[in-house]
Amino acid sequence: MGVQARVHVIKSTEKKMDGGWTLCFQWCAYNYSDGGQQKGYRFIWRRPDGTLQGARGQARLPTMDLIHEMLEQAKREGWGYIGDAKDDY
């Protein structure tokens, strides 16, 4: 079995969608089973029951407008550029 990661969400913004699903844009710490750590952004879906749909690291993003809306929301909340600082990696 390869290296696995546990993900700790540091910041998140969410957008409720039709059918009870929620698209989340998140800043996360990835803690790897080999002792390594990285930080980075991800999009992930939350099911209507509140559980996350991991989908092997992929999330279907319906429109560019929605992507931009969520990125702008993260910037307004003050964490949209957090990954640009070298100390955050």
N, C-alpha and C. Protein backbone atom coordinates (compact mmCIF):
# COMPACT_ATOMS: atom_id res chain seq x y z
N MET A 1 0.85 -1.18 0.00
CA MET A 1 0.00 0.00 0.00
C MET A 1 0.89 1.24 0.00
N GLY A 2 0.51 2.26 -0.74
CA GLY A 2 1.28 3.48 -0.86
C GLY A 2 1.08 4.42 0.31
N VAL A 3 1.66 5.59 0.19
CA VAL A 3 1.55 6.61 1.22
C VAL A 3 0.11 7.12 1.25
N GLN A 4 -0.44 7.25 2.45
CA GLN A 4 -1.79 7.76 2.62
C GLN A 4 -1.73 9.11 3.31
N ALA A 5 -2.80 9.90 3.17
CA ALA A 5 -2.84 11.23 3.78
C ALA A 5 -4.09 11.38 4.64
N ARG A 6 -3.89 12.06 5.76
CA ARG A 6 -5.01 12.53 6.56
C ARG A 6 -5.08 14.03 6.32
N VAL A 7 -6.27 14.53 6.10
CA VAL A 7 -6.44 15.93 5.73
C VAL A 7 -7.07 16.68 6.89
N HIS A 8 -6.44 17.80 7.26
CA HIS A 8 -6.97 18.69 8.29
C HIS A 8 -7.38 19.99 7.60
N VAL A 9 -8.66 20.32 7.65
CA VAL A 9 -9.17 21.54 7.03
C VAL A 9 -8.86 22.73 7.94
N ILE A 10 -8.16 23.72 7.40
CA ILE A 10 -7.79 24.91 8.15
C ILE A 10 -8.81 26.02 7.93
N LYS A 11 -9.19 26.26 6.68
CA LYS A 11 -10.18 27.27 6.30
C LYS A 11 -11.08 26.69 5.23
N SER A 12 -12.33 27.14 5.20
CA SER A 12 -13.27 26.62 4.21
C SER A 12 -14.35 27.65 3.90
N THR A 13 -14.77 27.66 2.65
CA THR A 13 -15.95 28.41 2.25
C THR A 13 -16.84 27.43 1.49
N GLU A 14 -18.15 27.60 1.62
CA GLU A 14 -19.08 26.61 1.06
C GLU A 14 -20.18 27.29 0.26
N LYS A 15 -20.69 26.55 -0.71
CA LYS A 15 -21.79 27.02 -1.56
C LYS A 15 -22.83 25.90 -1.65
N LYS A 16 -24.02 26.15 -1.10
CA LYS A 16 -25.11 25.17 -1.19
C LYS A 16 -25.61 25.10 -2.62
N MET A 17 -25.88 23.87 -3.06
CA MET A 17 -26.34 23.64 -4.42
C MET A 17 -27.69 22.92 -4.39
N ASP A 18 -28.31 22.81 -5.56
CA ASP A 18 -29.57 22.08 -5.67
C ASP A 18 -29.37 20.64 -5.22
N GLY A 19 -30.40 20.07 -4.65
CA GLY A 19 -30.35 18.67 -4.23
C GLY A 19 -29.68 18.45 -2.88
N GLY A 20 -29.34 19.53 -2.18
CA GLY A 20 -28.75 19.40 -0.86
C GLY A 20 -27.24 19.23 -0.82
N TRP A 21 -26.59 19.17 -1.98
CA TRP A 21 -25.14 19.04 -2.04
C TRP A 21 -24.50 20.41 -1.79
N THR A 22 -23.28 20.41 -1.25
CA THR A 22 -22.53 21.64 -0.96
C THR A 22 -21.14 21.51 -1.56
N LEU A 23 -20.72 22.51 -2.33
CA LEU A 23 -19.36 22.54 -2.84
C LEU A 23 -18.50 23.33 -1.86
N CYS A 24 -17.37 22.75 -1.44
CA CYS A 24 -16.47 23.38 -0.48
C CYS A 24 -15.14 23.70 -1.15
N PHE A 25 -14.62 24.89 -0.88
CA PHE A 25 -13.28 25.28 -1.29
C PHE A 25 -12.50 25.43 0.01
N GLN A 26 -11.38 24.71 0.13
CA GLN A 26 -10.70 24.61 1.42
C GLN A 26 -9.20 24.79 1.32
N TRP A 27 -8.62 25.32 2.40
CA TRP A 27 -7.17 25.37 2.61
C TRP A 27 -6.89 24.30 3.65
N CYS A 28 -6.02 23.34 3.32
CA CYS A 28 -5.84 22.14 4.15
C CYS A 28 -4.37 21.83 4.41
N ALA A 29 -4.15 21.11 5.51
CA ALA A 29 -2.86 20.48 5.78
C ALA A 29 -3.02 19.00 5.48
N TYR A 30 -2.13 18.48 4.65
CA TYR A 30 -2.11 17.06 4.30
C TYR A 30 -0.99 16.40 5.10
N ASN A 31 -1.35 15.52 6.03
CA ASN A 31 -0.38 14.82 6.87
C ASN A 31 -0.24 13.39 6.34
N TYR A 32 0.95 13.06 5.83
CA TYR A 32 1.17 11.80 5.15
C TYR A 32 1.67 10.71 6.11
N SER A 33 1.34 9.48 5.79
CA SER A 33 1.71 8.34 6.63
C SER A 33 3.22 8.14 6.71
N ASP A 34 3.99 8.73 5.78
CA ASP A 34 5.45 8.62 5.84
C ASP A 34 6.07 9.74 6.68
N GLY A 35 5.23 10.56 7.34
CA GLY A 35 5.71 11.64 8.19
C GLY A 35 5.78 12.99 7.51
N GLY A 36 5.58 13.05 6.21
CA GLY A 36 5.61 14.32 5.48
C GLY A 36 4.34 15.12 5.68
N GLN A 37 4.44 16.40 5.39
CA GLN A 37 3.27 17.28 5.44
C GLN A 37 3.36 18.31 4.32
N GLN A 38 2.22 18.59 3.72
CA GLN A 38 2.09 19.66 2.74
C GLN A 38 0.79 20.38 3.02
N LYS A 39 0.71 21.63 2.57
CA LYS A 39 -0.53 22.39 2.65
C LYS A 39 -0.96 22.75 1.24
N GLY A 40 -2.27 22.89 1.04
CA GLY A 40 -2.75 23.26 -0.27
C GLY A 40 -4.25 23.45 -0.29
N TYR A 41 -4.74 23.92 -1.43
CA TYR A 41 -6.16 24.15 -1.63
C TYR A 41 -6.82 22.92 -2.25
N ARG A 42 -8.12 22.78 -2.02
CA ARG A 42 -8.89 21.73 -2.70
C ARG A 42 -10.34 22.16 -2.80
N PHE A 43 -11.02 21.62 -3.81
CA PHE A 43 -12.47 21.65 -3.90
C PHE A 43 -12.93 20.25 -3.54
N ILE A 44 -14.01 20.14 -2.78
CA ILE A 44 -14.57 18.85 -2.42
C ILE A 44 -16.07 19.01 -2.20
N TRP A 45 -16.82 17.98 -2.53
CA TRP A 45 -18.27 18.00 -2.36
C TRP A 45 -18.67 17.42 -1.00
N ARG A 46 -19.67 18.05 -0.36
CA ARG A 46 -20.29 17.52 0.85
C ARG A 46 -21.68 17.02 0.46
N ARG A 47 -21.95 15.76 0.77
CA ARG A 47 -23.24 15.15 0.46
C ARG A 47 -24.35 15.76 1.33
N PRO A 48 -25.60 15.56 0.95
CA PRO A 48 -26.72 16.07 1.76
C PRO A 48 -26.70 15.55 3.21
N ASP A 49 -26.11 14.37 3.44
CA ASP A 49 -26.04 13.83 4.81
C ASP A 49 -24.87 14.39 5.61
N GLY A 50 -24.07 15.29 5.01
CA GLY A 50 -22.97 15.94 5.71
C GLY A 50 -21.61 15.28 5.53
N THR A 51 -21.55 14.09 4.92
CA THR A 51 -20.27 13.43 4.70
C THR A 51 -19.61 13.97 3.44
N LEU A 52 -18.29 13.86 3.38
CA LEU A 52 -17.54 14.33 2.22
C LEU A 52 -17.44 13.25 1.16
N GLN A 53 -17.44 13.66 -0.10
CA GLN A 53 -17.24 12.75 -1.22
C GLN A 53 -15.81 12.93 -1.71
N GLY A 54 -14.91 12.07 -1.26
CA GLY A 54 -13.49 12.19 -1.59
C GLY A 54 -13.18 12.05 -3.07
N ALA A 55 -13.82 11.13 -3.75
CA ALA A 55 -13.69 10.94 -5.21
C ALA A 55 -12.25 10.92 -5.68
N ARG A 56 -11.36 10.31 -4.91
CA ARG A 56 -9.95 10.17 -5.28
C ARG A 56 -9.30 11.48 -5.70
N GLY A 57 -9.59 12.53 -4.96
CA GLY A 57 -8.94 13.81 -5.19
C GLY A 57 -9.56 14.67 -6.28
N GLN A 58 -10.69 14.24 -6.84
CA GLN A 58 -11.30 15.01 -7.91
C GLN A 58 -12.69 15.48 -7.49
N ALA A 59 -13.01 16.69 -7.86
CA ALA A 59 -14.34 17.23 -7.62
C ALA A 59 -14.83 17.85 -8.93
N ARG A 60 -16.03 17.48 -9.36
CA ARG A 60 -16.61 18.07 -10.56
C ARG A 60 -17.00 19.51 -10.24
N LEU A 61 -16.50 20.44 -11.01
CA LEU A 61 -16.78 21.87 -10.82
C LEU A 61 -17.67 22.32 -11.96
N PRO A 62 -18.92 22.68 -11.66
CA PRO A 62 -19.91 22.89 -12.72
C PRO A 62 -19.66 24.09 -13.64
N THR A 63 -19.15 25.20 -13.10
CA THR A 63 -18.94 26.38 -13.97
C THR A 63 -17.73 27.17 -13.50
N MET A 64 -17.11 27.89 -14.42
CA MET A 64 -16.01 28.79 -14.07
C MET A 64 -16.52 29.93 -13.18
N ASP A 65 -17.75 30.38 -13.41
CA ASP A 65 -18.31 31.45 -12.57
C ASP A 65 -18.37 31.02 -11.11
N LEU A 66 -18.76 29.78 -10.86
CA LEU A 66 -18.83 29.29 -9.49
C LEU A 66 -17.43 29.20 -8.88
N ILE A 67 -16.47 28.75 -9.65
CA ILE A 67 -15.08 28.69 -9.17
C ILE A 67 -14.61 30.09 -8.78
N HIS A 68 -14.82 31.06 -9.65
CA HIS A 68 -14.41 32.43 -9.36
C HIS A 68 -15.14 32.99 -8.14
N GLU A 69 -16.42 32.70 -8.03
CA GLU A 69 -17.22 33.16 -6.88
C GLU A 69 -16.61 32.65 -5.57
N MET A 70 -16.25 31.37 -5.55
CA MET A 70 -15.71 30.79 -4.32
C MET A 70 -14.30 31.30 -4.02
N LEU A 71 -13.49 31.50 -5.04
CA LEU A 71 -12.16 32.07 -4.84
C LEU A 71 -12.26 33.49 -4.29
N GLU A 72 -13.16 34.27 -4.85
CA GLU A 72 -13.36 35.64 -4.37
C GLU A 72 -13.87 35.65 -2.93
N GLN A 73 -14.74 34.72 -2.57
CA GLN A 73 -15.23 34.63 -1.20
C GLN A 73 -14.07 34.34 -0.24
N ALA A 74 -13.18 33.42 -0.62
CA ALA A 74 -12.02 33.11 0.21
C ALA A 74 -11.13 34.35 0.37
N LYS A 75 -10.98 35.13 -0.69
CA LYS A 75 -10.18 36.36 -0.58
C LYS A 75 -10.85 37.36 0.36
N ARG A 76 -12.18 37.51 0.25
CA ARG A 76 -12.90 38.42 1.15
C ARG A 76 -12.78 37.99 2.61
N GLU A 77 -12.72 36.67 2.83
CA GLU A 77 -12.59 36.14 4.19
C GLU A 77 -11.15 36.21 4.70
N GLY A 78 -10.22 36.63 3.84
CA GLY A 78 -8.84 36.86 4.26
C GLY A 78 -7.89 35.68 4.14
N TRP A 79 -8.32 34.58 3.53
CA TRP A 79 -7.42 33.44 3.40
C TRP A 79 -7.21 33.00 1.96
N GLY A 80 -7.67 33.75 1.01
CA GLY A 80 -7.57 33.37 -0.39
C GLY A 80 -6.16 33.30 -0.94
N TYR A 81 -5.23 34.01 -0.34
CA TYR A 81 -3.84 33.99 -0.80
C TYR A 81 -2.90 33.37 0.22
N ILE A 82 -3.45 32.69 1.20
CA ILE A 82 -2.63 32.14 2.28
C ILE A 82 -1.53 31.23 1.76
N GLY A 83 -1.78 30.51 0.69
CA GLY A 83 -0.79 29.59 0.15
C GLY A 83 0.34 30.26 -0.61
N ASP A 84 0.24 31.57 -0.81
CA ASP A 84 1.30 32.27 -1.55
C ASP A 84 2.55 32.53 -0.70
N ALA A 85 2.42 32.45 0.63
CA ALA A 85 3.56 32.67 1.51
C ALA A 85 4.38 31.38 1.62
N LYS A 86 5.67 31.47 1.44
CA LYS A 86 6.53 30.27 1.48
C LYS A 86 6.39 29.53 2.81
N ASP A 87 6.14 30.24 3.91
CA ASP A 87 6.01 29.61 5.22
C ASP A 87 4.80 28.69 5.30
N ASP A 88 3.87 28.82 4.37
CA ASP A 88 2.65 28.02 4.41
C ASP A 88 2.81 26.67 3.74
N TYR A 89 3.97 26.36 3.18
CA TYR A 89 4.16 25.08 2.51
C TYR A 89 4.85 24.09 3.38
